[in-house]
Amino acid sequence: MQSMKSIDQSTNFISARSRGGLVNPSTDLLGILEEAECLFRKQVSDSTQGRLRKICTDTMCNNTLQSPVVQSLWDNIVMSAGVDHSSSTQKLCLENVIKLYLRVRSFSYARDYLTKHKTKEKLLKKKALRKDLKQSGVL
């Protein structure tokens, strides 16, 4: 896990949010998560007419794991960590990192979608007739 940290100085955002445990991720880890984000967005945008009932994170995780870019970046992380390349532990670690990212991203997407839907309903909701008449100048 130490090889996933960036050697560079922490950014202002990380410093502001950290209570001592946040670190900057390495560029290889950021590349893996960017690839997962691209596949997530593609899957969500390919849903039928924007009506997405279920976000299948397992399919997205498998597609991300099969990506040659992700495999190359993960190999860089593993090599810098000094872990045995044939170890099943490092493969499980990658899978868990991607699954965690996709679960958090799916939750965030669903929350944003529901919030957008609720605000849209509030805008469409009619006010009481008396208020509408007062605003129109009839009363």
C-alpha atoms as a PDB file:
ATOM      1  CA  MET A   1       0.000   0.000   0.000  1.00  0.00           C
ATOM      2  CA  GLN A   2       2.933   2.328   0.566  1.00  0.00           C
ATOM      3  CA  SER A   3       3.777   2.170  -3.145  1.00  0.00           C
ATOM      4  CA  MET A   4       0.383   3.726  -3.947  1.00  0.00           C
ATOM      5  CA  LYS A   5       1.396   6.938  -2.177  1.00  0.00           C
ATOM      6  CA  SER A   6       2.859   9.802  -4.124  1.00  0.00           C
ATOM      7  CA  ILE A   7       6.343  10.977  -3.293  1.00  0.00           C
ATOM      8  CA  ASP A   8       5.403  14.589  -4.111  1.00  0.00           C
ATOM      9  CA  GLN A   9       4.268  17.090  -1.523  1.00  0.00           C
ATOM     10  CA  SER A  10       0.603  17.031  -0.567  1.00  0.00           C
ATOM     11  CA  THR A  11      -1.769  19.441  -2.246  1.00  0.00           C
ATOM     12  CA  ASN A  12      -3.668  22.170  -0.446  1.00  0.00           C
ATOM     13  CA  PHE A  13      -6.909  20.196  -0.765  1.00  0.00           C
ATOM     14  CA  ILE A  14      -5.413  17.115   0.869  1.00  0.00           C
ATOM     15  CA  SER A  15      -3.838  19.237   3.592  1.00  0.00           C
ATOM     16  CA  ALA A  16      -7.131  20.984   4.315  1.00  0.00           C
ATOM     17  CA  ARG A  17      -9.108  17.733   4.553  1.00  0.00           C
ATOM     18  CA  SER A  18      -6.559  15.575   6.292  1.00  0.00           C
ATOM     19  CA  ARG A  19      -6.493  14.819   9.970  1.00  0.00           C
ATOM     20  CA  GLY A  20      -3.160  13.128   9.544  1.00  0.00           C
ATOM     21  CA  GLY A  21      -4.130  10.096   7.436  1.00  0.00           C
ATOM     22  CA  LEU A  22      -4.721  11.366   3.907  1.00  0.00           C
ATOM     23  CA  VAL A  23      -1.944  11.099   1.368  1.00  0.00           C
ATOM     24  CA  ASN A  24      -1.594  11.898  -2.315  1.00  0.00           C
ATOM     25  CA  PRO A  25      -2.141   8.863  -4.539  1.00  0.00           C
ATOM     26  CA  SER A  26       0.575   7.889  -7.006  1.00  0.00           C
ATOM     27  CA  THR A  27       0.203   8.724 -10.683  1.00  0.00           C
ATOM     28  CA  ASP A  28      -0.141   5.017 -11.494  1.00  0.00           C
ATOM     29  CA  LEU A  29      -3.061   4.654  -9.099  1.00  0.00           C
ATOM     30  CA  LEU A  30      -4.663   7.792 -10.518  1.00  0.00           C
ATOM     31  CA  GLY A  31      -4.342   6.307 -14.006  1.00  0.00           C
ATOM     32  CA  ILE A  32      -6.116   3.124 -12.891  1.00  0.00           C
ATOM     33  CA  LEU A  33      -8.948   5.109 -11.319  1.00  0.00           C
ATOM     34  CA  GLU A  34      -9.248   7.346 -14.391  1.00  0.00           C
ATOM     35  CA  GLU A  35      -9.684   4.250 -16.543  1.00  0.00           C
ATOM     36  CA  ALA A  36     -12.341   2.947 -14.134  1.00  0.00           C
ATOM     37  CA  GLU A  37     -14.083   6.347 -14.292  1.00  0.00           C
ATOM     38  CA  CYS A  38     -14.099   6.287 -18.106  1.00  0.00           C
ATOM     39  CA  LEU A  39     -15.644   2.819 -18.129  1.00  0.00           C
ATOM     40  CA  PHE A  40     -18.162   3.893 -15.474  1.00  0.00           C
ATOM     41  CA  ARG A  41     -19.253   6.904 -17.514  1.00  0.00           C
ATOM     42  CA  LYS A  42     -19.509   4.826 -20.668  1.00  0.00           C
ATOM     43  CA  GLN A  43     -21.679   2.214 -18.935  1.00  0.00           C
ATOM     44  CA  VAL A  44     -23.958   4.862 -17.419  1.00  0.00           C
ATOM     45  CA  SER A  45     -24.315   6.817 -20.674  1.00  0.00           C
ATOM     46  CA  ASP A  46     -25.083   3.630 -22.625  1.00  0.00           C
ATOM     47  CA  SER A  47     -28.102   2.942 -20.422  1.00  0.00           C
ATOM     48  CA  THR A  48     -31.429   2.979 -22.210  1.00  0.00           C
ATOM     49  CA  GLN A  49     -32.685   6.581 -22.542  1.00  0.00           C
ATOM     50  CA  GLY A  50     -31.090   7.651 -19.280  1.00  0.00           C
ATOM     51  CA  ARG A  51     -33.256   5.286 -17.247  1.00  0.00           C
ATOM     52  CA  LEU A  52     -30.734   3.340 -15.292  1.00  0.00           C
ATOM     53  CA  ARG A  53     -32.274   0.895 -12.833  1.00  0.00           C
ATOM     54  CA  LYS A  54     -29.143  -0.875 -11.664  1.00  0.00           C
ATOM     55  CA  ILE A  55     -25.477   0.009 -11.850  1.00  0.00           C
ATOM     56  CA  CYS A  56     -23.652  -3.263 -12.444  1.00  0.00           C
ATOM     57  CA  THR A  57     -20.340  -2.674 -10.700  1.00  0.00           C
ATOM     58  CA  ASP A  58     -19.226  -6.287 -11.192  1.00  0.00           C
ATOM     59  CA  THR A  59     -19.258  -5.934 -14.976  1.00  0.00           C
ATOM     60  CA  MET A  60     -17.451  -2.611 -14.780  1.00  0.00           C
ATOM     61  CA  CYS A  61     -14.860  -4.098 -12.426  1.00  0.00           C
ATOM     62  CA  ASN A  62     -14.191  -7.024 -14.776  1.00  0.00           C
ATOM     63  CA  ASN A  63     -13.879  -4.680 -17.766  1.00  0.00           C
ATOM     64  CA  THR A  64     -11.471  -2.478 -15.824  1.00  0.00           C
ATOM     65  CA  LEU A  65      -9.366  -5.448 -14.716  1.00  0.00           C
ATOM     66  CA  GLN A  66      -9.064  -6.649 -18.329  1.00  0.00           C
ATOM     67  CA  SER A  67      -7.871  -3.276 -19.589  1.00  0.00           C
ATOM     68  CA  PRO A  68      -4.232  -3.391 -20.721  1.00  0.00           C
ATOM     69  CA  VAL A  69      -3.671   0.144 -19.401  1.00  0.00           C
ATOM     70  CA  VAL A  70      -4.811  -0.890 -15.930  1.00  0.00           C
ATOM     71  CA  GLN A  71      -2.683  -4.032 -15.988  1.00  0.00           C
ATOM     72  CA  SER A  72       0.387  -2.042 -17.018  1.00  0.00           C
ATOM     73  CA  LEU A  73      -0.131   0.619 -14.346  1.00  0.00           C
ATOM     74  CA  TRP A  74      -0.745  -2.030 -11.694  1.00  0.00           C
ATOM     75  CA  ASP A  75       2.440  -3.825 -12.707  1.00  0.00           C
ATOM     76  CA  ASN A  76       4.312  -0.560 -12.127  1.00  0.00           C
ATOM     77  CA  ILE A  77       2.850  -0.308  -8.620  1.00  0.00           C
ATOM     78  CA  VAL A  78       3.652  -3.948  -7.839  1.00  0.00           C
ATOM     79  CA  MET A  79       7.224  -3.627  -9.118  1.00  0.00           C
ATOM     80  CA  SER A  80       7.863  -0.538  -7.000  1.00  0.00           C
ATOM     81  CA  ALA A  81       6.468  -2.342  -3.953  1.00  0.00           C
ATOM     82  CA  GLY A  82       8.746  -5.339  -4.402  1.00  0.00           C
ATOM     83  CA  VAL A  83       5.875  -7.856  -4.213  1.00  0.00           C
ATOM     84  CA  ASP A  84       6.088 -11.196  -6.030  1.00  0.00           C
ATOM     85  CA  HIS A  85       4.471 -10.628  -9.439  1.00  0.00           C
ATOM     86  CA  SER A  86       2.728 -14.019  -9.451  1.00  0.00           C
ATOM     87  CA  SER A  87       1.170 -13.468  -6.035  1.00  0.00           C
ATOM     88  CA  SER A  88      -2.620 -13.754  -5.913  1.00  0.00           C
ATOM     89  CA  THR A  89      -2.676 -11.189  -3.104  1.00  0.00           C
ATOM     90  CA  GLN A  90      -1.672  -8.346  -5.396  1.00  0.00           C
ATOM     91  CA  LYS A  91      -4.416  -9.322  -7.891  1.00  0.00           C
ATOM     92  CA  LEU A  92      -7.027  -9.342  -5.131  1.00  0.00           C
ATOM     93  CA  CYS A  93      -5.771  -5.983  -3.903  1.00  0.00           C
ATOM     94  CA  LEU A  94      -6.281  -4.438  -7.345  1.00  0.00           C
ATOM     95  CA  GLU A  95      -9.749  -5.924  -7.594  1.00  0.00           C
ATOM     96  CA  ASN A  96     -10.698  -4.588  -4.158  1.00  0.00           C
ATOM     97  CA  VAL A  97      -9.375  -1.099  -4.954  1.00  0.00           C
ATOM     98  CA  ILE A  98     -11.430  -0.963  -8.157  1.00  0.00           C
ATOM     99  CA  LYS A  99     -14.559  -2.373  -6.492  1.00  0.00           C
ATOM    100  CA  LEU A 100     -14.322   0.172  -3.687  1.00  0.00           C
ATOM    101  CA  TYR A 101     -13.929   3.018  -6.161  1.00  0.00           C
ATOM    102  CA  LEU A 102     -16.892   1.827  -8.264  1.00  0.00           C
ATOM    103  CA  ARG A 103     -19.152   1.385  -5.215  1.00  0.00           C
ATOM    104  CA  VAL A 104     -18.402   4.869  -3.938  1.00  0.00           C
ATOM    105  CA  ARG A 105     -18.817   6.334  -7.430  1.00  0.00           C
ATOM    106  CA  SER A 106     -22.120   4.494  -7.946  1.00  0.00           C
ATOM    107  CA  PHE A 107     -23.450   5.768  -4.634  1.00  0.00           C
ATOM    108  CA  SER A 108     -22.427   9.314  -5.541  1.00  0.00           C
ATOM    109  CA  TYR A 109     -24.042   9.028  -8.982  1.00  0.00           C
ATOM    110  CA  ALA A 110     -27.292   7.660  -7.528  1.00  0.00           C
ATOM    111  CA  ARG A 111     -27.418  10.398  -4.883  1.00  0.00           C
ATOM    112  CA  ASP A 112     -26.837  13.110  -7.493  1.00  0.00           C
ATOM    113  CA  TYR A 113     -29.497  11.592  -9.755  1.00  0.00           C
ATOM    114  CA  LEU A 114     -32.067  11.502  -6.957  1.00  0.00           C
ATOM    115  CA  THR A 115     -31.268  15.046  -5.873  1.00  0.00           C
ATOM    116  CA  LYS A 116     -31.674  16.267  -9.436  1.00  0.00           C
ATOM    117  CA  HIS A 117     -34.991  14.441  -9.735  1.00  0.00           C
ATOM    118  CA  LYS A 118     -36.293  15.863  -6.437  1.00  0.00           C
ATOM    119  CA  THR A 119     -35.402  19.443  -7.349  1.00  0.00           C
ATOM    120  CA  LYS A 120     -37.058  18.984 -10.732  1.00  0.00           C
ATOM    121  CA  GLU A 121     -40.236  17.771  -9.011  1.00  0.00           C
ATOM    122  CA  LYS A 122     -40.195  20.753  -6.668  1.00  0.00           C
ATOM    123  CA  LEU A 123     -40.004  23.141  -9.605  1.00  0.00           C
ATOM    124  CA  LEU A 124     -42.931  21.457 -11.319  1.00  0.00           C
ATOM    125  CA  LYS A 125     -45.033  21.368  -8.185  1.00  0.00           C
ATOM    126  CA  LYS A 126     -47.777  23.955  -8.287  1.00  0.00           C
ATOM    127  CA  LYS A 127     -48.328  26.421  -5.512  1.00  0.00           C
ATOM    128  CA  ALA A 128     -51.714  26.892  -3.933  1.00  0.00           C
ATOM    129  CA  LEU A 129     -54.289  28.523  -6.169  1.00  0.00           C
ATOM    130  CA  ARG A 130     -54.571  31.577  -3.911  1.00  0.00           C
ATOM    131  CA  LYS A 131     -50.832  32.225  -4.167  1.00  0.00           C
ATOM    132  CA  ASP A 132     -50.916  31.841  -7.943  1.00  0.00           C
ATOM    133  CA  LEU A 133     -53.799  34.273  -8.198  1.00  0.00           C
ATOM    134  CA  LYS A 134     -52.035  36.820  -5.966  1.00  0.00           C
ATOM    135  CA  GLN A 135     -48.870  36.558  -7.995  1.00  0.00           C
ATOM    136  CA  SER A 136     -50.726  36.981 -11.261  1.00  0.00           C
ATOM    137  CA  GLY A 137     -52.453  40.117  -9.910  1.00  0.00           C
ATOM    138  CA  VAL A 138     -56.022  38.815  -9.977  1.00  0.00           C
ATOM    139  CA  LEU A 139     -56.497  39.099  -6.200  1.00  0.00           C
END
